[in-house]
Amino acid sequence: MRSLLRLNPLTSSTQFLCLDLLWELPLALLSFCFYRVNRLLISRLYRRFQSRLGSRATNWRLLNRETLNMPISLPVLMTTGPRWNTHALIGTLGPLKVSQSLSIRTSICLLSAASWTAVIYRFPDFLTVTQFSSLTVDSEKEWSNLLLPQGRYILGIRYYGLLSSPKMPDVRVDGLLTTRSIDTPSNTNEIYADLDKRTNPYYLALHFYIFTLLRLRKIFSQSFVHSELLPVGDPDTEFRYGLILAFHRLVVRMSSSCLNGRRVFLTVYNRASLPVLSEEIKDLNWTSSFFSADGFYLFRFRPLRPDVYPIHESEFKCDLETISSTIEI
C-alpha cells in the first residue's frame, strides 16, 4: 500500500543526525568561503565595468535574454543577487551623478503594473538609500521627487503584474531629463523558463552552502540566515523560506487573509540557486509536483494596499510531503 508521510525538515530533530552531514559540512564551509571571495572579486570588476558605461549609464537596462547573454552578467547576478525574482520585470539605471535630486515619472509606473517598487542604491557600495513603491506614491502626481546627497546612484525598478502597455519611466536628475521611458515587452521574464540549464559546477560551488545553512538554521542567528538568503532593498515584501528535498513535494495551507490584499509568489531553486519553479499561489490549499532534486524555496508576499498587516505564523503553513511504501500485514 502507498501512503503519504508529511514532515517538516526545519523542525524535525532527526535531520540533524543524518550521517551525510559529516561530508556535507566541510563542503558547505568551503562553498561559503568560495562565495565570499568570488563576490568580492566580481563586484570589483562590475563596479569598474559600470564606471565605464559613460552615456549608456542613462539608458534603461532590462533583465532579459540579451542582458544574460553578456559574459559578465550571470556571474555578477549569481554573486550579488542570486535569489532570482522570477515574478518581477526588472529594470536598472545608472550610475547617475546626482547633485541634489532625482525625479521619476511615477505616473508611468502606475500605468505599467498592478504593483511596483523602486529602490535607490548608492554607488559603488550598493547600499540601499531609499525605497518607494505603488503603496507610497501620490497617484495624482505625475512625478515623484527625491532629495539625495551629492553622489552617484543606481535606480532599480521591479514591476509585478504587468498591465497592457508597461514602460520603464522617464527620469530627471537635478531637474534635467536624462532618461526617457522605454517599452518593456511582457514576455521578458521568459528567460527564467530554462535558466536552470545553466547549472554548472561553478555555480553549484558558489551556493552549495545555502541548503546546509537552511538545514541547520536553528543553530545560527536569524539575522545571519536572512543576510545570506534574502534579497535586500524591498521592505514592502514579506518572505518565507525553507528546504526542498528530492522526491518530496510542497504542501501549502494558508488562511484567506494571506490573499486579501496580497499576491503570493513562490520560487523554487536548485542547489546552484537557479530557479526550477516559478508560481503565483492563488489557492488557499496548494500542492506542488514532486521534485527530483534537493534545493530550497522562497515565498514572496507582495502587498497591494498600504493597510495590509504582516502575516501571522499561524496563517501560513508550508510542509514537505513524501510518498513512502508500507507493508500491510
Protein backbone atom coordinates (compact mmCIF):
# COMPACT_ATOMS: atom_id res chain seq x y z
CA MET A 1 0.00 0.00 0.00
CA ARG A 2 1.18 3.58 -0.62
CA SER A 3 0.74 6.28 1.97
CA LEU A 4 1.67 9.92 2.32
CA LEU A 5 4.16 10.87 5.01
CA ARG A 6 4.28 14.57 5.93
CA LEU A 7 7.34 16.09 7.55
CA ASN A 8 8.93 19.46 8.09
CA PRO A 9 12.73 19.26 7.83
CA LEU A 10 13.12 22.59 9.59
CA THR A 11 11.60 21.31 12.81
CA SER A 12 12.43 17.62 12.75
CA SER A 13 15.43 16.91 15.01
CA THR A 14 16.25 13.75 13.04
CA GLN A 15 17.52 15.97 10.24
CA PHE A 16 20.42 16.99 12.45
CA LEU A 17 21.50 13.39 12.93
CA CYS A 18 21.94 12.47 9.29
CA LEU A 19 25.30 10.89 8.60
CA ASP A 20 25.70 12.79 5.35
CA LEU A 21 26.37 15.94 7.37
CA LEU A 22 29.83 14.50 8.03
CA TRP A 23 30.80 15.19 4.44
CA GLU A 24 28.36 17.98 3.72
CA LEU A 25 29.53 20.38 6.45
CA PRO A 26 33.15 20.69 5.23
CA LEU A 27 31.93 21.23 1.66
CA ALA A 28 29.43 23.83 2.83
CA LEU A 29 32.17 25.73 4.67
CA LEU A 30 34.34 25.69 1.54
CA SER A 31 31.36 26.85 -0.51
CA PHE A 32 30.69 29.75 1.89
CA CYS A 33 34.31 30.93 1.62
CA PHE A 34 34.32 30.42 -2.16
CA TYR A 35 31.17 32.55 -2.49
CA ARG A 36 32.57 35.37 -0.35
CA VAL A 37 35.83 35.54 -2.31
CA ASN A 38 34.03 35.45 -5.66
CA ARG A 39 31.54 38.09 -4.60
CA LEU A 40 34.38 40.41 -3.59
CA LEU A 41 36.34 39.93 -6.82
CA ILE A 42 33.39 40.04 -9.21
CA SER A 43 31.78 43.05 -7.52
CA ARG A 44 35.03 44.96 -8.03
CA LEU A 45 35.07 44.04 -11.71
CA TYR A 46 31.41 45.00 -12.02
CA ARG A 47 31.95 48.40 -10.41
CA ARG A 48 34.77 49.05 -12.85
CA PHE A 49 32.53 47.97 -15.72
CA GLN A 50 29.71 50.28 -14.60
CA SER A 51 32.08 53.20 -14.08
CA ARG A 52 32.98 52.96 -17.77
CA LEU A 53 29.43 52.93 -19.13
CA GLY A 54 29.60 56.63 -19.95
CA SER A 55 26.46 57.87 -21.69
CA ARG A 56 24.97 54.35 -21.58
CA ALA A 57 24.51 54.76 -17.83
CA THR A 58 21.46 56.91 -18.55
CA ASN A 59 19.78 54.14 -20.59
CA TRP A 60 17.39 51.65 -19.04
CA ARG A 61 18.78 48.09 -18.85
CA LEU A 62 16.22 45.29 -18.62
CA LEU A 63 16.96 41.91 -17.09
CA ASN A 64 16.25 39.98 -20.29
CA ARG A 65 17.88 37.39 -22.52
CA GLU A 66 20.09 39.96 -24.19
CA THR A 67 21.45 41.01 -20.80
CA LEU A 68 22.06 37.42 -19.68
CA ASN A 69 23.98 36.72 -22.89
CA MET A 70 26.60 39.27 -21.86
CA PRO A 71 29.60 37.32 -20.45
CA ILE A 72 29.75 39.29 -17.19
CA SER A 73 26.02 39.26 -16.41
CA LEU A 74 25.38 35.82 -14.96
CA PRO A 75 28.48 35.73 -12.71
CA VAL A 76 27.54 39.19 -11.40
CA LEU A 77 23.93 38.23 -10.72
CA MET A 78 24.95 34.94 -9.11
CA THR A 79 27.18 36.78 -6.63
CA THR A 80 25.21 40.00 -6.00
CA GLY A 81 21.55 38.94 -6.36
CA PRO A 82 21.39 35.15 -6.57
CA ARG A 83 17.83 34.81 -5.23
CA TRP A 84 16.25 35.37 -8.63
CA ASN A 85 12.97 37.28 -8.56
CA THR A 86 11.20 35.34 -11.30
CA HIS A 87 7.92 37.19 -10.78
CA ALA A 88 9.01 40.77 -11.40
CA LEU A 89 10.06 42.54 -14.57
CA ILE A 90 13.27 44.31 -13.56
CA GLY A 91 14.95 47.41 -14.97
CA THR A 92 18.06 49.24 -13.75
CA LEU A 93 19.60 52.61 -14.49
CA GLY A 94 22.90 54.25 -13.62
CA PRO A 95 25.23 55.06 -12.07
CA LEU A 96 23.76 58.56 -12.23
CA LYS A 97 25.66 61.61 -10.96
CA VAL A 98 23.29 63.48 -8.66
CA SER A 99 23.92 66.84 -7.01
CA GLN A 100 20.57 67.41 -5.30
CA SER A 101 17.60 65.46 -6.60
CA LEU A 102 16.36 62.55 -8.67
CA SER A 103 12.81 62.54 -10.08
CA ILE A 104 10.85 59.63 -11.52
CA ARG A 105 7.73 59.88 -13.63
CA THR A 106 5.79 57.53 -11.42
CA SER A 107 2.56 58.08 -13.36
CA ILE A 108 4.10 55.74 -15.96
CA CYS A 109 4.85 53.15 -13.27
CA LEU A 110 1.24 53.23 -12.07
CA LEU A 111 0.04 52.55 -15.63
CA SER A 112 2.59 49.76 -16.17
CA ALA A 113 1.99 47.32 -13.30
CA ALA A 114 -0.53 46.43 -10.62
CA SER A 115 2.27 46.62 -8.06
CA TRP A 116 5.79 48.01 -8.29
CA THR A 117 8.74 49.12 -6.21
CA ALA A 118 11.70 51.41 -6.91
CA VAL A 119 14.95 51.30 -4.94
CA ILE A 120 17.84 53.78 -4.93
CA TYR A 121 21.28 52.25 -4.28
CA ARG A 122 24.44 54.20 -3.56
CA PHE A 123 27.30 53.57 -5.98
CA PRO A 124 29.82 51.96 -5.74
CA ASP A 125 28.97 50.13 -2.46
CA PHE A 126 25.33 49.39 -3.48
CA LEU A 127 23.92 50.30 -0.07
CA THR A 128 20.16 50.93 -0.15
CA VAL A 129 19.48 54.65 0.27
CA THR A 130 15.71 54.80 -0.05
CA GLN A 131 12.73 52.92 -1.46
CA PHE A 132 9.27 53.88 -2.63
CA SER A 133 6.50 51.99 -4.36
CA SER A 134 2.94 51.87 -5.62
CA LEU A 135 1.94 51.83 -1.93
CA THR A 136 3.62 55.12 -1.04
CA VAL A 137 3.49 57.50 -4.03
CA ASP A 138 0.75 60.04 -4.62
CA SER A 139 -1.24 58.65 -7.56
CA GLU A 140 -2.42 62.13 -8.50
CA LYS A 141 1.09 63.43 -9.09
CA GLU A 142 2.89 62.77 -12.37
CA TRP A 143 6.41 62.92 -10.89
CA SER A 144 7.93 61.81 -7.60
CA ASN A 145 10.95 63.80 -6.44
CA LEU A 146 13.72 62.52 -4.15
CA LEU A 147 16.28 64.76 -2.45
CA LEU A 148 19.64 62.99 -2.27
CA PRO A 149 23.13 63.85 -1.01
CA GLN A 150 25.62 64.54 -3.78
CA GLY A 151 26.93 61.30 -5.22
CA ARG A 152 26.36 58.52 -7.74
CA TYR A 153 23.32 56.25 -7.58
CA ILE A 154 21.75 53.18 -9.18
CA LEU A 155 17.98 53.06 -9.68
CA GLY A 156 16.23 49.69 -9.80
CA ILE A 157 12.52 49.14 -10.57
CA ARG A 158 10.52 45.92 -10.21
CA TYR A 159 7.09 45.53 -11.85
CA TYR A 160 4.64 42.88 -10.59
CA GLY A 161 1.51 42.09 -12.59
CA LEU A 162 2.12 43.85 -15.89
CA LEU A 163 -0.69 45.91 -17.38
CA SER A 164 -1.43 46.36 -21.08
CA SER A 165 1.48 48.65 -22.09
CA PRO A 166 4.27 48.51 -19.47
CA LYS A 167 7.14 51.00 -19.69
CA MET A 168 10.16 51.99 -17.65
CA PRO A 169 9.63 55.64 -16.65
CA ASP A 170 11.25 58.93 -17.58
CA VAL A 171 13.89 60.09 -15.09
CA ARG A 172 15.20 63.55 -14.25
CA VAL A 173 18.47 64.30 -12.49
CA ASP A 174 18.69 67.73 -10.82
CA GLY A 175 15.67 68.85 -12.83
CA LEU A 176 17.05 67.80 -16.24
CA LEU A 177 15.50 64.95 -18.25
CA THR A 178 18.32 62.39 -18.56
CA THR A 179 16.41 59.19 -19.35
CA ARG A 180 13.34 58.66 -21.50
CA SER A 181 10.80 55.88 -20.97
CA ILE A 182 11.14 52.64 -22.89
CA ASP A 183 8.68 49.84 -23.66
CA THR A 184 9.10 46.68 -21.60
CA PRO A 185 7.93 43.58 -23.52
CA SER A 186 5.55 41.47 -21.47
CA ASN A 187 7.43 38.26 -22.38
CA THR A 188 10.72 39.50 -20.87
CA ASN A 189 10.56 37.03 -17.97
CA GLU A 190 10.52 34.02 -20.29
CA ILE A 191 14.27 33.91 -19.62
CA TYR A 192 13.57 32.08 -16.36
CA ALA A 193 11.91 29.10 -18.07
CA ASP A 194 15.25 27.50 -18.95
CA LEU A 195 17.68 29.33 -16.68
CA ASP A 196 18.34 26.18 -14.65
CA LYS A 197 20.03 24.70 -17.73
CA ARG A 198 22.96 26.98 -16.92
CA THR A 199 23.68 24.99 -13.77
CA ASN A 200 27.34 24.01 -13.69
CA PRO A 201 29.97 23.08 -11.07
CA TYR A 202 30.99 26.72 -10.59
CA TYR A 203 27.51 27.96 -9.64
CA LEU A 204 26.91 24.83 -7.56
CA ALA A 205 30.12 25.51 -5.62
CA LEU A 206 29.04 29.13 -5.06
CA HIS A 207 25.70 28.27 -3.47
CA PHE A 208 26.13 24.73 -2.13
CA TYR A 209 26.25 26.07 1.44
CA ILE A 210 22.74 27.61 1.35
CA PHE A 211 20.99 24.22 1.57
CA THR A 212 23.17 23.22 4.54
CA LEU A 213 22.60 26.59 6.19
CA LEU A 214 18.84 26.12 5.97
CA ARG A 215 19.16 22.57 7.21
CA LEU A 216 20.97 23.78 10.32
CA ARG A 217 19.29 27.17 10.62
CA LYS A 218 18.32 26.64 14.26
CA ILE A 219 21.95 26.91 15.37
CA PHE A 220 22.50 30.22 13.53
CA SER A 221 21.05 33.62 14.27
CA GLN A 222 18.04 34.61 12.20
CA SER A 223 19.81 37.78 11.06
CA PHE A 224 22.69 35.74 9.64
CA VAL A 225 20.36 33.37 7.78
CA HIS A 226 18.40 36.33 6.39
CA SER A 227 21.56 38.12 5.29
CA GLU A 228 22.73 35.07 3.33
CA LEU A 229 19.40 34.09 1.82
CA LEU A 230 17.01 37.01 1.40
CA PRO A 231 17.08 39.79 -1.20
CA VAL A 232 17.64 43.33 0.05
CA GLY A 233 16.13 46.71 -0.70
CA ASP A 234 12.40 45.92 -0.70
CA PRO A 235 10.88 46.28 2.79
CA ASP A 236 7.32 46.01 1.42
CA THR A 237 7.82 42.31 0.65
CA GLU A 238 7.43 39.56 3.26
CA PHE A 239 9.33 36.30 2.86
CA ARG A 240 9.01 32.66 3.90
CA TYR A 241 11.66 30.11 3.02
CA GLY A 242 12.77 26.53 3.60
CA LEU A 243 14.22 23.32 2.23
CA ILE A 244 13.22 21.25 -0.76
CA LEU A 245 14.11 17.54 -0.59
CA ALA A 246 14.31 15.21 -3.56
CA PHE A 247 11.19 13.07 -4.09
CA HIS A 248 9.12 15.40 -1.92
CA ARG A 249 6.51 17.99 -2.75
CA LEU A 250 5.41 21.24 -1.12
CA VAL A 251 2.03 21.41 0.57
CA VAL A 252 0.79 24.93 1.30
CA ARG A 253 -2.09 25.76 3.62
CA MET A 254 -2.96 29.40 4.28
CA SER A 255 -5.83 31.47 5.59
CA SER A 256 -7.85 33.80 3.38
CA SER A 257 -6.09 36.81 4.96
CA CYS A 258 -2.89 35.84 3.14
CA LEU A 259 -4.55 36.51 -0.21
CA ASN A 260 -6.56 39.50 0.96
CA GLY A 261 -4.72 42.50 -0.49
CA ARG A 262 -1.66 40.46 -1.40
CA ARG A 263 -0.14 38.45 -4.20
CA VAL A 264 1.77 35.33 -3.18
CA PHE A 265 4.71 34.24 -5.32
CA LEU A 266 6.80 31.09 -5.00
CA THR A 267 10.22 30.39 -6.48
CA VAL A 268 12.00 27.07 -6.01
CA TYR A 269 15.76 26.98 -6.56
CA ASN A 270 18.17 24.11 -7.10
CA ARG A 271 21.36 23.87 -5.04
CA ALA A 272 23.10 26.19 -7.53
CA SER A 273 20.43 28.86 -6.70
CA LEU A 274 18.94 28.76 -10.18
CA PRO A 275 15.12 28.72 -10.44
CA VAL A 276 13.38 25.44 -11.28
CA LEU A 277 9.82 26.52 -10.45
CA SER A 278 8.05 29.90 -10.57
CA GLU A 279 4.44 30.06 -9.47
CA GLU A 280 1.86 32.54 -8.24
CA ILE A 281 -0.19 30.87 -5.50
CA LYS A 282 -3.85 31.78 -5.83
CA ASP A 283 -5.46 28.94 -3.83
CA LEU A 284 -5.64 28.57 -0.06
CA ASN A 285 -4.65 24.92 -0.41
CA TRP A 286 -1.92 24.24 -2.96
CA THR A 287 0.37 21.29 -3.65
CA SER A 288 3.35 21.16 -5.99
CA SER A 289 4.56 18.29 -8.10
CA PHE A 290 7.31 16.08 -6.70
CA PHE A 291 10.82 17.47 -7.00
CA SER A 292 13.64 15.42 -8.47
CA ALA A 293 16.50 17.04 -6.54
CA ASP A 294 17.30 18.93 -3.33
CA GLY A 295 17.01 22.70 -3.22
CA PHE A 296 15.19 25.44 -1.37
CA TYR A 297 12.11 27.64 -1.77
CA LEU A 298 11.30 31.29 -1.26
CA PHE A 299 7.81 32.78 -0.94
CA ARG A 300 7.34 36.48 -1.65
CA PHE A 301 4.21 38.18 -0.28
CA ARG A 302 3.58 41.42 -2.19
CA PRO A 303 1.02 43.80 -0.64
CA LEU A 304 -1.42 45.56 -2.96
CA ARG A 305 -2.63 48.04 -0.34
CA PRO A 306 -0.79 50.04 2.33
CA ASP A 307 -3.10 48.81 5.11
CA VAL A 308 -2.12 45.12 4.81
CA TYR A 309 -0.85 43.66 8.09
CA PRO A 310 2.11 41.25 8.36
CA ILE A 311 1.21 37.58 8.09
CA HIS A 312 0.99 35.74 11.40
CA GLU A 313 2.80 32.42 11.69
CA SER A 314 -0.49 30.58 12.19
CA GLU A 315 -1.93 31.93 8.92
CA PHE A 316 0.61 30.27 6.63
CA LYS A 317 1.86 26.69 6.76
CA CYS A 318 4.22 25.00 4.32
CA ASP A 319 5.22 21.34 4.72
CA LEU A 320 7.07 18.73 2.73
CA GLU A 321 5.26 15.56 1.79
CA THR A 322 6.78 12.32 0.51
CA ILE A 323 5.40 9.03 -0.78
CA SER A 324 6.55 6.09 1.31
CA SER A 325 5.86 2.42 0.82
CA THR A 326 4.42 0.42 3.70
CA ILE A 327 3.61 -3.21 4.04
CA GLU A 328 0.13 -4.19 5.12
CA ILE A 329 0.19 -7.31 7.24
